[in-house]
Amino acid sequence: MSQMRLFSLKMNDGCFMPMLGLGTSAPPQLWSTFFRPELVQTCLESSLRKLQLSYVDLYLTHFPIAMKPGEDFFPKDTYGNIIFDTVDLCTTWEALEKCKDAGLAKSIGVSNFNRKQLEMILNEPGLKYKPVCNQVECHPYLNQSKLLEFCKSKDILLVAYATLGSDVRKKWVKKDNPVLLQDPVLNTIAEKHRRTPAQVTLRYQLQRGVAALAKSFNEKRLKENFQVFEFQLTPEDMQSLDGLNRNMRYFEEDSLSHHPNYPFHDEY
């Protein structure tokens, strides 16, 4: 078995995904202003031209809410409210399947979908390809245990973003949330293993079968991220980290919360 396969997770289409994503760049995603079926391939082809590629390994929908097509990433009315579009997510998924058939994407998946939205895709008559993954915010304060269990039951990988919490200096991040990496339980476990809190947080996800994204441009931190394969958390450690769950999000996208497809109103 190749070294790459040892540190990868097999997806339901037979392709492999690295357990740990370094996050030096974001994978191409279908933005919400391109959810109309006739725009899906156009969006992907535009991304491919910018990247100077003929295909991508993985193509995801960004968020399960369609917005008005056009040049604005966040189309707004005169009152500053987001202008939504009415699109059946199943028709968007069918267009993604066509992108895969056309060889423009090896694998296709979704982001920020809840259980109900995943079931809607999975139960669609004529479904050709299941989503290979669901990329969601996931960390010890939001461990997504129920969504993880559901995804595993459907052979869909859970991919975690914001694995280390998030930088409150970013304007879209909630400012009053506690800083994950300062958590005393997390730090106690890190000290026991002579690791950093970030390494423990990433290792926690890997041992749950979750692919973890850890965005960094810092050479020292990138090296530390690779070291998560050099140690193991005990069952007691895992139980303690499970106990940190608060169902707390750093990213809530409040401007979209009144849309019927807003995914975070449901429990999972």
Protein backbone atom coordinates (compact mmCIF):
# COMPACT_ATOMS: atom_id res chain seq x y z
CA MET A 1 0.00 0.00 0.00
CA SER A 2 1.39 3.41 -0.93
CA GLN A 3 2.32 5.96 1.75
CA MET A 4 -0.47 8.23 0.49
CA ARG A 5 -3.12 5.51 0.95
CA LEU A 6 -1.97 4.95 4.56
CA PHE A 7 -2.93 8.52 5.40
CA SER A 8 -6.08 8.68 3.28
CA LEU A 9 -9.75 7.82 3.59
CA LYS A 10 -11.57 5.94 0.84
CA MET A 11 -14.65 7.68 -0.53
CA ASN A 12 -17.80 5.98 -1.81
CA ASP A 13 -16.74 6.47 -5.45
CA GLY A 14 -13.46 4.60 -4.93
CA CYS A 15 -11.26 7.71 -4.84
CA PHE A 16 -9.18 8.64 -1.80
CA MET A 17 -9.08 11.80 0.31
CA PRO A 18 -6.16 12.76 2.58
CA MET A 19 -7.04 12.43 6.27
CA LEU A 20 -5.40 15.79 6.85
CA GLY A 21 -5.85 18.73 4.52
CA LEU A 22 -3.14 21.35 4.92
CA GLY A 23 -5.53 24.07 3.84
CA THR A 24 -2.95 26.17 2.03
CA SER A 25 -5.67 26.79 -0.54
CA ALA A 26 -9.38 26.12 -0.74
CA PRO A 27 -10.79 23.54 -3.17
CA PRO A 28 -13.06 24.91 -5.91
CA GLN A 29 -16.64 25.16 -4.71
CA LEU A 30 -19.92 25.87 -6.42
CA TRP A 31 -20.90 29.32 -5.19
CA SER A 32 -24.54 30.00 -4.31
CA THR A 33 -25.13 32.38 -7.22
CA PHE A 34 -24.49 29.49 -9.63
CA PHE A 35 -27.01 26.97 -8.29
CA ARG A 36 -29.28 27.06 -11.33
CA PRO A 37 -28.53 23.84 -13.24
CA GLU A 38 -27.54 25.66 -16.42
CA LEU A 39 -24.88 27.65 -14.50
CA VAL A 40 -23.19 24.83 -12.58
CA GLN A 41 -20.77 23.69 -15.28
CA THR A 42 -20.08 27.32 -16.25
CA CYS A 43 -18.93 28.01 -12.70
CA LEU A 44 -16.67 24.96 -12.62
CA GLU A 45 -15.17 25.70 -16.04
CA SER A 46 -14.39 29.25 -14.91
CA SER A 47 -12.57 27.87 -11.85
CA LEU A 48 -10.62 25.43 -14.00
CA ARG A 49 -9.47 28.20 -16.32
CA LYS A 50 -8.23 30.26 -13.36
CA LEU A 51 -6.43 27.25 -11.92
CA GLN A 52 -5.13 26.18 -15.36
CA LEU A 53 -6.47 22.67 -14.83
CA SER A 54 -8.53 20.31 -16.96
CA TYR A 55 -10.34 18.80 -13.96
CA VAL A 56 -10.49 18.94 -10.14
CA ASP A 57 -10.25 16.01 -7.74
CA LEU A 58 -13.21 17.24 -5.71
CA TYR A 59 -15.99 19.75 -6.39
CA LEU A 60 -18.38 20.84 -3.64
CA THR A 61 -21.45 22.99 -3.26
CA HIS A 62 -20.58 25.80 -0.85
CA PHE A 63 -23.81 26.27 1.13
CA PRO A 64 -27.33 24.85 0.58
CA ILE A 65 -28.91 28.23 -0.21
CA ALA A 66 -29.25 29.67 -3.71
CA MET A 67 -28.70 33.37 -4.31
CA LYS A 68 -29.58 35.57 -7.27
CA PRO A 69 -27.28 34.88 -10.25
CA GLY A 70 -25.01 37.71 -11.32
CA GLU A 71 -21.61 39.25 -10.78
CA ASP A 72 -22.11 40.00 -7.07
CA PHE A 73 -21.00 37.24 -4.70
CA PHE A 74 -23.55 38.49 -2.18
CA PRO A 75 -26.37 40.12 -4.17
CA LYS A 76 -28.28 42.59 -1.99
CA ASP A 77 -31.36 44.76 -2.32
CA THR A 78 -31.52 48.47 -1.50
CA TYR A 79 -32.00 47.62 2.19
CA GLY A 80 -28.84 45.52 2.32
CA ASN A 81 -30.65 42.18 2.46
CA ILE A 82 -29.38 39.14 0.55
CA ILE A 83 -31.39 38.45 -2.62
CA PHE A 84 -32.15 34.74 -2.78
CA ASP A 85 -33.02 32.54 -5.72
CA THR A 86 -35.49 29.64 -5.88
CA VAL A 87 -33.68 26.50 -6.98
CA ASP A 88 -34.36 22.85 -6.20
CA LEU A 89 -31.11 21.55 -4.70
CA CYS A 90 -31.72 18.19 -6.38
CA THR A 91 -31.51 19.81 -9.82
CA THR A 92 -28.24 21.46 -8.77
CA TRP A 93 -26.94 18.04 -7.73
CA GLU A 94 -27.96 16.53 -11.08
CA ALA A 95 -25.89 19.22 -12.80
CA LEU A 96 -22.92 18.30 -10.58
CA GLU A 97 -23.34 14.68 -11.64
CA LYS A 98 -23.07 15.82 -15.26
CA CYS A 99 -19.82 17.63 -14.43
CA LYS A 100 -18.44 14.36 -13.08
CA ASP A 101 -19.60 12.48 -16.19
CA ALA A 102 -17.92 15.13 -18.36
CA GLY A 103 -14.61 14.47 -16.59
CA LEU A 104 -14.44 17.94 -15.05
CA ALA A 105 -14.50 16.60 -11.47
CA LYS A 106 -13.36 13.21 -10.20
CA SER A 107 -15.55 13.39 -7.10
CA ILE A 108 -18.50 15.56 -6.05
CA GLY A 109 -19.77 16.46 -2.61
CA VAL A 110 -21.57 19.03 -0.49
CA SER A 111 -20.83 21.51 2.29
CA ASN A 112 -22.89 22.57 5.29
CA PHE A 113 -25.77 20.19 4.58
CA ASN A 114 -27.85 18.90 7.47
CA ARG A 115 -29.32 15.41 7.68
CA LYS A 116 -32.61 16.39 6.03
CA GLN A 117 -30.83 17.96 3.06
CA LEU A 118 -28.56 14.96 2.63
CA GLU A 119 -31.57 12.65 2.70
CA MET A 120 -33.25 14.77 0.05
CA ILE A 121 -30.32 14.16 -2.31
CA LEU A 122 -29.96 10.48 -1.39
CA ASN A 123 -33.68 9.82 -1.91
CA GLU A 124 -33.87 11.59 -5.27
CA PRO A 125 -35.21 9.21 -7.97
CA GLY A 126 -32.55 8.52 -10.55
CA LEU A 127 -29.66 9.48 -8.27
CA LYS A 128 -26.46 8.56 -10.10
CA TYR A 129 -23.77 9.49 -7.56
CA LYS A 130 -23.99 9.98 -3.82
CA PRO A 131 -22.09 12.91 -2.32
CA VAL A 132 -18.67 11.59 -1.36
CA CYS A 133 -18.43 13.99 1.56
CA ASN A 134 -20.14 16.67 3.61
CA GLN A 135 -17.80 19.48 4.66
CA VAL A 136 -18.96 21.14 7.87
CA GLU A 137 -17.69 23.14 10.83
CA CYS A 138 -16.45 20.58 13.34
CA HIS A 139 -14.28 20.83 16.46
CA PRO A 140 -14.53 19.76 20.13
CA TYR A 141 -17.02 22.57 20.87
CA LEU A 142 -19.17 21.39 17.92
CA ASN A 143 -18.32 17.74 17.48
CA GLN A 144 -21.20 16.93 15.10
CA SER A 145 -21.51 13.43 16.60
CA LYS A 146 -25.05 12.80 15.30
CA LEU A 147 -24.30 14.10 11.82
CA LEU A 148 -21.09 12.04 11.79
CA GLU A 149 -23.02 8.90 12.73
CA PHE A 150 -25.57 9.55 9.99
CA CYS A 151 -22.90 10.23 7.35
CA LYS A 152 -21.04 7.05 8.27
CA SER A 153 -24.29 5.08 7.91
CA LYS A 154 -24.61 6.40 4.33
CA ASP A 155 -20.91 5.99 3.44
CA ILE A 156 -20.39 9.75 3.23
CA LEU A 157 -17.18 11.20 4.68
CA LEU A 158 -17.44 14.05 7.12
CA VAL A 159 -14.83 16.71 6.42
CA ALA A 160 -14.15 19.19 9.22
CA TYR A 161 -13.36 22.85 8.69
CA ALA A 162 -12.63 25.31 11.52
CA THR A 163 -11.04 22.34 13.28
CA LEU A 164 -9.03 24.64 15.55
CA GLY A 165 -11.88 27.04 16.23
CA SER A 166 -11.46 30.27 14.31
CA ASP A 167 -9.79 33.66 14.37
CA VAL A 168 -12.23 36.11 15.98
CA ARG A 169 -10.58 38.93 14.02
CA LYS A 170 -12.37 37.69 10.92
CA LYS A 171 -15.55 39.69 10.41
CA TRP A 172 -17.78 36.67 9.78
CA VAL A 173 -16.76 34.91 13.02
CA LYS A 174 -18.80 35.32 16.21
CA LYS A 175 -16.82 37.55 18.57
CA ASP A 176 -18.12 36.41 21.96
CA ASN A 177 -17.24 32.70 21.63
CA PRO A 178 -14.49 31.21 23.81
CA VAL A 179 -11.14 30.43 22.20
CA LEU A 180 -10.99 26.67 21.64
CA LEU A 181 -7.22 26.30 21.85
CA GLN A 182 -7.23 27.91 25.31
CA ASP A 183 -9.59 25.29 26.73
CA PRO A 184 -8.11 23.86 29.98
CA VAL A 185 -9.19 20.25 29.26
CA LEU A 186 -7.65 20.38 25.81
CA ASN A 187 -4.45 21.88 27.18
CA THR A 188 -4.17 19.25 29.93
CA ILE A 189 -4.38 16.47 27.34
CA ALA A 190 -1.83 18.28 25.16
CA GLU A 191 0.62 18.58 28.06
CA LYS A 192 0.23 14.89 28.88
CA HIS A 193 1.21 13.91 25.33
CA ARG A 194 3.78 16.71 24.98
CA ARG A 195 1.87 18.05 22.00
CA THR A 196 0.22 21.34 21.13
CA PRO A 197 -3.53 21.87 21.67
CA ALA A 198 -3.87 22.18 17.88
CA GLN A 199 -2.25 18.78 17.34
CA VAL A 200 -4.58 17.17 19.88
CA THR A 201 -7.61 18.76 18.23
CA LEU A 202 -6.59 17.43 14.82
CA ARG A 203 -5.76 13.99 16.18
CA TYR A 204 -9.21 13.87 17.80
CA GLN A 205 -10.84 14.21 14.38
CA LEU A 206 -8.62 11.60 12.71
CA GLN A 207 -9.43 9.00 15.35
CA ARG A 208 -13.15 9.61 14.74
CA GLY A 209 -12.76 8.93 11.01
CA VAL A 210 -13.18 12.59 10.12
CA ALA A 211 -10.99 14.26 7.49
CA ALA A 212 -9.59 17.43 9.02
CA LEU A 213 -8.76 20.71 7.30
CA ALA A 214 -6.21 22.92 9.05
CA LYS A 215 -5.51 26.14 7.20
CA SER A 216 -2.00 27.47 7.72
CA PHE A 217 0.73 29.24 5.78
CA ASN A 218 3.21 29.01 8.66
CA GLU A 219 6.03 26.52 7.99
CA LYS A 220 6.41 25.57 11.68
CA ARG A 221 2.68 24.89 12.06
CA LEU A 222 2.55 22.91 8.81
CA LYS A 223 5.28 20.62 10.17
CA GLU A 224 3.42 20.30 13.48
CA ASN A 225 0.26 19.33 11.62
CA PHE A 226 2.05 16.37 10.02
CA GLN A 227 3.13 15.17 13.46
CA VAL A 228 -0.46 14.24 14.36
CA PHE A 229 0.29 10.81 12.87
CA GLU A 230 3.02 10.24 15.47
CA PHE A 231 0.86 9.80 18.58
CA GLN A 232 -2.45 8.31 19.71
CA LEU A 233 -5.11 9.64 22.06
CA THR A 234 -6.39 7.21 24.70
CA PRO A 235 -10.09 6.26 24.98
CA GLU A 236 -10.18 8.43 28.12
CA ASP A 237 -8.75 11.37 26.16
CA MET A 238 -11.38 10.91 23.46
CA GLN A 239 -14.15 10.77 26.05
CA SER A 240 -12.90 13.97 27.69
CA LEU A 241 -12.77 15.75 24.34
CA ASP A 242 -16.27 14.49 23.48
CA GLY A 243 -17.39 16.07 26.74
CA LEU A 244 -16.35 19.53 25.54
CA ASN A 245 -19.19 19.64 23.02
CA ARG A 246 -21.38 22.75 23.38
CA ASN A 247 -23.04 22.69 19.93
CA MET A 248 -21.36 26.08 19.50
CA ARG A 249 -20.64 27.51 16.06
CA TYR A 250 -18.01 30.05 15.11
CA PHE A 251 -19.70 30.42 11.70
CA GLU A 252 -23.46 30.92 11.66
CA GLU A 253 -24.13 32.98 8.50
CA ASP A 254 -26.85 34.96 10.28
CA SER A 255 -27.69 36.94 7.14
CA LEU A 256 -29.05 33.70 5.64
CA SER A 257 -30.89 32.43 8.72
CA HIS A 258 -34.40 33.38 7.56
CA HIS A 259 -34.12 31.28 4.39
CA PRO A 260 -36.10 27.99 4.48
CA ASN A 261 -32.98 26.03 3.44
CA TYR A 262 -30.85 27.46 6.25
CA PRO A 263 -29.21 24.26 7.54
CA PHE A 264 -28.46 25.18 11.14
CA HIS A 265 -32.01 25.42 12.50
CA ASP A 266 -32.22 21.63 12.66
CA GLU A 267 -30.46 19.71 15.42
CA TYR A 268 -28.10 18.15 12.85
